[in-house]
PDB file of N, CA and C in Angstrom:
ATOM      1  N   MET A   1       0.726  -1.690  -3.145  1.00  0.00           N
ATOM      2  CA  MET A   1       1.736  -0.832  -3.068  1.00  0.00           C
ATOM      3  C   MET A   1       3.237  -1.496  -2.929  1.00  0.00           C
ATOM      4  N   LEU A   2       3.949  -1.212  -3.588  1.00  0.00           N
ATOM      5  CA  LEU A   2       5.392  -1.899  -3.752  1.00  0.00           C
ATOM      6  C   LEU A   2       6.263  -0.999  -2.907  1.00  0.00           C
ATOM      7  N   VAL A   3       7.010  -1.537  -1.979  1.00  0.00           N
ATOM      8  CA  VAL A   3       8.020  -0.686  -1.342  1.00  0.00           C
ATOM      9  C   VAL A   3       9.339  -0.950  -2.017  1.00  0.00           C
ATOM     10  N   LEU A   4       9.860   0.238  -2.484  1.00  0.00           N
ATOM     11  CA  LEU A   4      11.095   0.154  -3.322  1.00  0.00           C
ATOM     12  C   LEU A   4      12.297   0.405  -2.295  1.00  0.00           C
ATOM     13  N   GLU A   5      12.192   1.339  -1.518  1.00  0.00           N
ATOM     14  CA  GLU A   5      13.285   1.659  -0.518  1.00  0.00           C
ATOM     15  C   GLU A   5      12.671   2.028   0.803  1.00  0.00           C
ATOM     16  N   GLY A   6      13.533   1.717   1.876  1.00  0.00           N
ATOM     17  CA  GLY A   6      12.978   2.134   3.273  1.00  0.00           C
ATOM     18  C   GLY A   6      12.128   1.165   3.925  1.00  0.00           C
ATOM     19  N   LYS A   7      11.444   1.661   4.883  1.00  0.00           N
ATOM     20  CA  LYS A   7      10.404   0.804   5.530  1.00  0.00           C
ATOM     21  C   LYS A   7       9.190   1.736   5.919  1.00  0.00           C
ATOM     22  N   LEU A   8       8.124   1.015   6.037  1.00  0.00           N
ATOM     23  CA  LEU A   8       6.819   1.673   6.327  1.00  0.00           C
ATOM     24  C   LEU A   8       5.898   0.745   6.997  1.00  0.00           C
ATOM     25  N   THR A   9       5.032   1.409   7.722  1.00  0.00           N
ATOM     26  CA  THR A   9       3.701   0.650   8.446  1.00  0.00           C
ATOM     27  C   THR A   9       2.554   1.119   7.810  1.00  0.00           C
ATOM     28  N   VAL A  10       1.672   0.149   7.566  1.00  0.00           N
ATOM     29  CA  VAL A  10       0.338   0.476   7.035  1.00  0.00           C
ATOM     30  C   VAL A  10      -0.744  -0.108   7.938  1.00  0.00           C
ATOM     31  N   THR A  11      -1.520   0.704   8.480  1.00  0.00           N
ATOM     32  CA  THR A  11      -2.726   0.258   9.363  1.00  0.00           C
ATOM     33  C   THR A  11      -4.001   0.445   8.763  1.00  0.00           C
ATOM     34  N   SER A  12      -4.797  -0.608   8.592  1.00  0.00           N
ATOM     35  CA  SER A  12      -6.238  -0.655   8.133  1.00  0.00           C
ATOM     36  C   SER A  12      -7.013  -1.526   9.054  1.00  0.00           C
ATOM     37  N   GLY A  13      -8.177  -0.680   9.609  1.00  0.00           N
ATOM     38  CA  GLY A  13      -9.007  -1.402  10.643  1.00  0.00           C
ATOM     39  C   GLY A  13      -8.155  -1.804  11.694  1.00  0.00           C
ATOM     40  N   ALA A  14      -8.218  -3.144  12.058  1.00  0.00           N
ATOM     41  CA  ALA A  14      -7.527  -3.745  13.094  1.00  0.00           C
ATOM     42  C   ALA A  14      -6.172  -4.430  12.698  1.00  0.00           C
ATOM     43  N   SER A  15      -5.817  -4.251  11.412  1.00  0.00           N
ATOM     44  CA  SER A  15      -4.649  -4.850  10.806  1.00  0.00           C
ATOM     45  C   SER A  15      -3.483  -3.945  10.661  1.00  0.00           C
ATOM     46  N   THR A  16      -2.286  -4.323  11.171  1.00  0.00           N
ATOM     47  CA  THR A  16      -0.977  -3.489  10.822  1.00  0.00           C
ATOM     48  C   THR A  16      -0.088  -4.300  10.118  1.00  0.00           C
ATOM     49  N   VAL A  17       0.525  -3.828   9.176  1.00  0.00           N
ATOM     50  CA  VAL A  17       1.616  -4.495   8.397  1.00  0.00           C
ATOM     51  C   VAL A  17       2.874  -3.602   8.240  1.00  0.00           C
ATOM     52  N   THR A  18       3.987  -4.238   8.461  1.00  0.00           N
ATOM     53  CA  THR A  18       5.256  -3.495   8.358  1.00  0.00           C
ATOM     54  C   THR A  18       5.887  -4.066   7.051  1.00  0.00           C
ATOM     55  N   ALA A  19       6.426  -3.188   6.199  1.00  0.00           N
ATOM     56  CA  ALA A  19       7.033  -3.739   4.957  1.00  0.00           C
ATOM     57  C   ALA A  19       8.244  -2.915   4.572  1.00  0.00           C
ATOM     58  N   GLY A  20       9.247  -3.737   3.912  1.00  0.00           N
ATOM     59  CA  GLY A  20      10.495  -3.065   3.536  1.00  0.00           C
ATOM     60  C   GLY A  20      10.653  -3.303   1.986  1.00  0.00           C
ATOM     61  N   PRO A  21      11.887  -3.110   1.564  1.00  0.00           N
ATOM     62  CA  PRO A  21      12.158  -3.136   0.052  1.00  0.00           C
ATOM     63  C   PRO A  21      11.681  -4.494  -0.528  1.00  0.00           C
ATOM     64  N   GLY A  22      10.939  -4.420  -1.657  1.00  0.00           N
ATOM     65  CA  GLY A  22      10.674  -5.755  -2.312  1.00  0.00           C
ATOM     66  C   GLY A  22       9.252  -6.287  -1.817  1.00  0.00           C
ATOM     67  N   GLU A  23       8.707  -5.651  -0.751  1.00  0.00           N
ATOM     68  CA  GLU A  23       7.460  -6.300  -0.221  1.00  0.00           C
ATOM     69  C   GLU A  23       6.291  -5.466  -0.758  1.00  0.00           C
ATOM     70  N   ILE A  24       5.126  -6.196  -0.959  1.00  0.00           N
ATOM     71  CA  ILE A  24       3.989  -5.618  -1.413  1.00  0.00           C
ATOM     72  C   ILE A  24       2.908  -5.460  -0.432  1.00  0.00           C
ATOM     73  N   VAL A  25       2.232  -4.428  -0.207  1.00  0.00           N
ATOM     74  CA  VAL A  25       1.153  -4.233   0.639  1.00  0.00           C
ATOM     75  C   VAL A  25      -0.131  -3.976   0.026  1.00  0.00           C
ATOM     76  N   TYR A  26      -1.216  -4.948   0.293  1.00  0.00           N
ATOM     77  CA  TYR A  26      -2.359  -4.850  -0.356  1.00  0.00           C
ATOM     78  C   TYR A  26      -3.363  -4.046   0.390  1.00  0.00           C
ATOM     79  N   MET A  27      -3.958  -3.186  -0.272  1.00  0.00           N
ATOM     80  CA  MET A  27      -5.054  -2.342   0.363  1.00  0.00           C
ATOM     81  C   MET A  27      -6.296  -2.290  -0.450  1.00  0.00           C
ATOM     82  N   PRO A  28      -7.230  -2.968   0.169  1.00  0.00           N
ATOM     83  CA  PRO A  28      -8.489  -3.186  -0.514  1.00  0.00           C
ATOM     84  C   PRO A  28      -9.347  -1.923  -0.848  1.00  0.00           C
ATOM     85  N   LYS A  29     -10.040  -1.898  -1.914  1.00  0.00           N
ATOM     86  CA  LYS A  29     -10.858  -0.644  -2.211  1.00  0.00           C
ATOM     87  C   LYS A  29     -11.738  -0.384  -1.097  1.00  0.00           C
ATOM     88  N   GLY A  30     -11.958   0.936  -0.929  1.00  0.00           N
ATOM     89  CA  GLY A  30     -12.775   1.434   0.106  1.00  0.00           C
ATOM     90  C   GLY A  30     -12.333   1.563   1.483  1.00  0.00           C
ATOM     91  N   GLU A  31     -11.170   0.891   1.783  1.00  0.00           N
ATOM     92  CA  GLU A  31     -10.625   0.842   3.108  1.00  0.00           C
ATOM     93  C   GLU A  31      -9.915   2.039   3.418  1.00  0.00           C
ATOM     94  N   THR A  32     -10.078   2.573   4.582  1.00  0.00           N
ATOM     95  CA  THR A  32      -9.229   3.710   5.160  1.00  0.00           C
ATOM     96  C   THR A  32      -7.876   3.136   5.656  1.00  0.00           C
ATOM     97  N   VAL A  33      -6.875   3.600   5.206  1.00  0.00           N
ATOM     98  CA  VAL A  33      -5.633   3.252   5.644  1.00  0.00           C
ATOM     99  C   VAL A  33      -4.770   4.491   6.108  1.00  0.00           C
ATOM    100  N   THR A  34      -3.797   4.111   7.057  1.00  0.00           N
ATOM    101  CA  THR A  34      -2.836   5.116   7.476  1.00  0.00           C
ATOM    102  C   THR A  34      -1.438   4.541   7.234  1.00  0.00           C
ATOM    103  N   ILE A  35      -0.574   5.322   6.650  1.00  0.00           N
ATOM    104  CA  ILE A  35       0.758   5.029   6.128  1.00  0.00           C
ATOM    105  C   ILE A  35       1.675   5.727   6.955  1.00  0.00           C
ATOM    106  N   HIS A  36       2.679   5.155   7.722  1.00  0.00           N
ATOM    107  CA  HIS A  36       3.732   5.861   8.302  1.00  0.00           C
ATOM    108  C   HIS A  36       5.070   5.362   7.894  1.00  0.00           C
ATOM    109  N   SER A  37       5.988   6.254   7.450  1.00  0.00           N
ATOM    110  CA  SER A  37       7.356   5.874   7.067  1.00  0.00           C
ATOM    111  C   SER A  37       8.131   5.870   8.358  1.00  0.00           C
ATOM    112  N   HIS A  38       9.166   4.937   8.365  1.00  0.00           N
ATOM    113  CA  HIS A  38      10.058   4.917   9.463  1.00  0.00           C
ATOM    114  C   HIS A  38      11.219   6.016   9.404  1.00  0.00           C
ATOM    115  N   GLU A  39      12.228   6.078  10.251  1.00  0.00           N
ATOM    116  CA  GLU A  39      13.043   7.204  10.392  1.00  0.00           C
ATOM    117  C   GLU A  39      13.836   7.505   8.967  1.00  0.00           C
ATOM    118  N   GLN A  40      14.194   6.487   8.242  1.00  0.00           N
ATOM    119  CA  GLN A  40      14.817   6.785   6.952  1.00  0.00           C
ATOM    120  C   GLN A  40      13.858   7.118   5.775  1.00  0.00           C
ATOM    121  N   GLY A  41      12.508   7.023   5.965  1.00  0.00           N
ATOM    122  CA  GLY A  41      11.600   7.385   4.818  1.00  0.00           C
ATOM    123  C   GLY A  41      11.338   6.160   3.956  1.00  0.00           C
ATOM    124  N   ALA A  42      10.616   6.374   3.066  1.00  0.00           N
ATOM    125  CA  ALA A  42      10.283   5.303   2.119  1.00  0.00           C
ATOM    126  C   ALA A  42       9.992   5.741   0.694  1.00  0.00           C
ATOM    127  N   VAL A  43      10.290   4.909  -0.274  1.00  0.00           N
ATOM    128  CA  VAL A  43       9.874   5.124  -1.687  1.00  0.00           C
ATOM    129  C   VAL A  43       8.974   4.047  -1.986  1.00  0.00           C
ATOM    130  N   THR A  44       7.845   4.332  -2.654  1.00  0.00           N
ATOM    131  CA  THR A  44       6.930   3.298  -2.974  1.00  0.00           C
ATOM    132  C   THR A  44       6.400   3.425  -4.451  1.00  0.00           C
ATOM    133  N   ALA A  45       5.825   2.418  -5.007  1.00  0.00           N
ATOM    134  CA  ALA A  45       5.173   2.452  -6.229  1.00  0.00           C
ATOM    135  C   ALA A  45       3.661   2.023  -5.972  1.00  0.00           C
ATOM    136  N   TYR A  46       2.804   2.872  -6.342  1.00  0.00           N
ATOM    137  CA  TYR A  46       1.541   2.646  -5.990  1.00  0.00           C
ATOM    138  C   TYR A  46       0.616   2.549  -7.306  1.00  0.00           C
ATOM    139  N   VAL A  47      -0.019   1.402  -7.650  1.00  0.00           N
ATOM    140  CA  VAL A  47      -0.724   1.223  -8.874  1.00  0.00           C
ATOM    141  C   VAL A  47      -2.327   1.079  -8.509  1.00  0.00           C
ATOM    142  N   THR A  48      -3.179   1.776  -9.386  1.00  0.00           N
ATOM    143  CA  THR A  48      -4.555   1.700  -9.271  1.00  0.00           C
ATOM    144  C   THR A  48      -5.084   1.325 -10.631  1.00  0.00           C
ATOM    145  N   TYR A  49      -6.175   0.689 -10.750  1.00  0.00           N
ATOM    146  CA  TYR A  49      -6.808   0.410 -12.056  1.00  0.00           C
ATOM    147  C   TYR A  49      -8.352   0.538 -11.903  1.00  0.00           C
ATOM    148  N   PRO A  50      -9.028   0.825 -12.873  1.00  0.00           N
ATOM    149  CA  PRO A  50     -10.520   0.704 -13.008  1.00  0.00           C
ATOM    150  C   PRO A  50     -10.932  -0.609 -12.755  1.00  0.00           C
ATOM    151  N   HIS A  51     -12.255  -0.577 -12.297  1.00  0.00           N
ATOM    152  CA  HIS A  51     -12.905  -2.057 -12.095  1.00  0.00           C
ATOM    153  C   HIS A  51     -12.990  -2.645 -13.422  1.00  0.00           C
ATOM    154  N   TRP A  52     -12.381  -3.775 -13.760  1.00  0.00           N
ATOM    155  CA  TRP A  52     -12.341  -4.228 -15.016  1.00  0.00           C
ATOM    156  C   TRP A  52     -13.743  -4.624 -15.724  1.00  0.00           C
ATOM    157  N   GLN A  53     -14.580  -4.981 -14.944  1.00  0.00           N
ATOM    158  CA  GLN A  53     -15.939  -5.328 -15.434  1.00  0.00           C
ATOM    159  C   GLN A  53     -16.652  -4.181 -16.040  1.00  0.00           C
ATOM    160  N   GLU A  54     -16.646  -3.087 -15.233  1.00  0.00           N
ATOM    161  CA  GLU A  54     -17.148  -1.787 -15.543  1.00  0.00           C
ATOM    162  C   GLU A  54     -16.456  -1.176 -16.671  1.00  0.00           C
ATOM    163  N   ALA A  55     -15.168  -1.170 -16.917  1.00  0.00           N
ATOM    164  CA  ALA A  55     -14.448  -0.735 -18.044  1.00  0.00           C
ATOM    165  C   ALA A  55     -14.764  -1.524 -19.253  1.00  0.00           C
ATOM    166  N   ARG A  56     -15.115  -2.770 -19.220  1.00  0.00           N
ATOM    167  CA  ARG A  56     -15.466  -3.580 -20.406  1.00  0.00           C
ATOM    168  C   ARG A  56     -16.573  -3.021 -21.055  1.00  0.00           C
ATOM    169  N   GLY A  57     -17.743  -2.479 -20.389  1.00  0.00           N
ATOM    170  CA  GLY A  57     -18.931  -1.948 -20.853  1.00  0.00           C
ATOM    171  C   GLY A  57     -19.787  -3.078 -21.235  1.00  0.00           C
TER     172      GLY A  57
END
């Protein structure tokens, strides 16, 4: 997830990351994450893709 504006905190398991504009947060497949935006909110871009080996056939 790419943070475009604002600031957010992402928690996954025992790890917590705070990110701001221009920073990328990696979230592994299958992980449960909690995302909290700070007071000013946040705008993000989130990209997903199929598993490339399965997609090749």
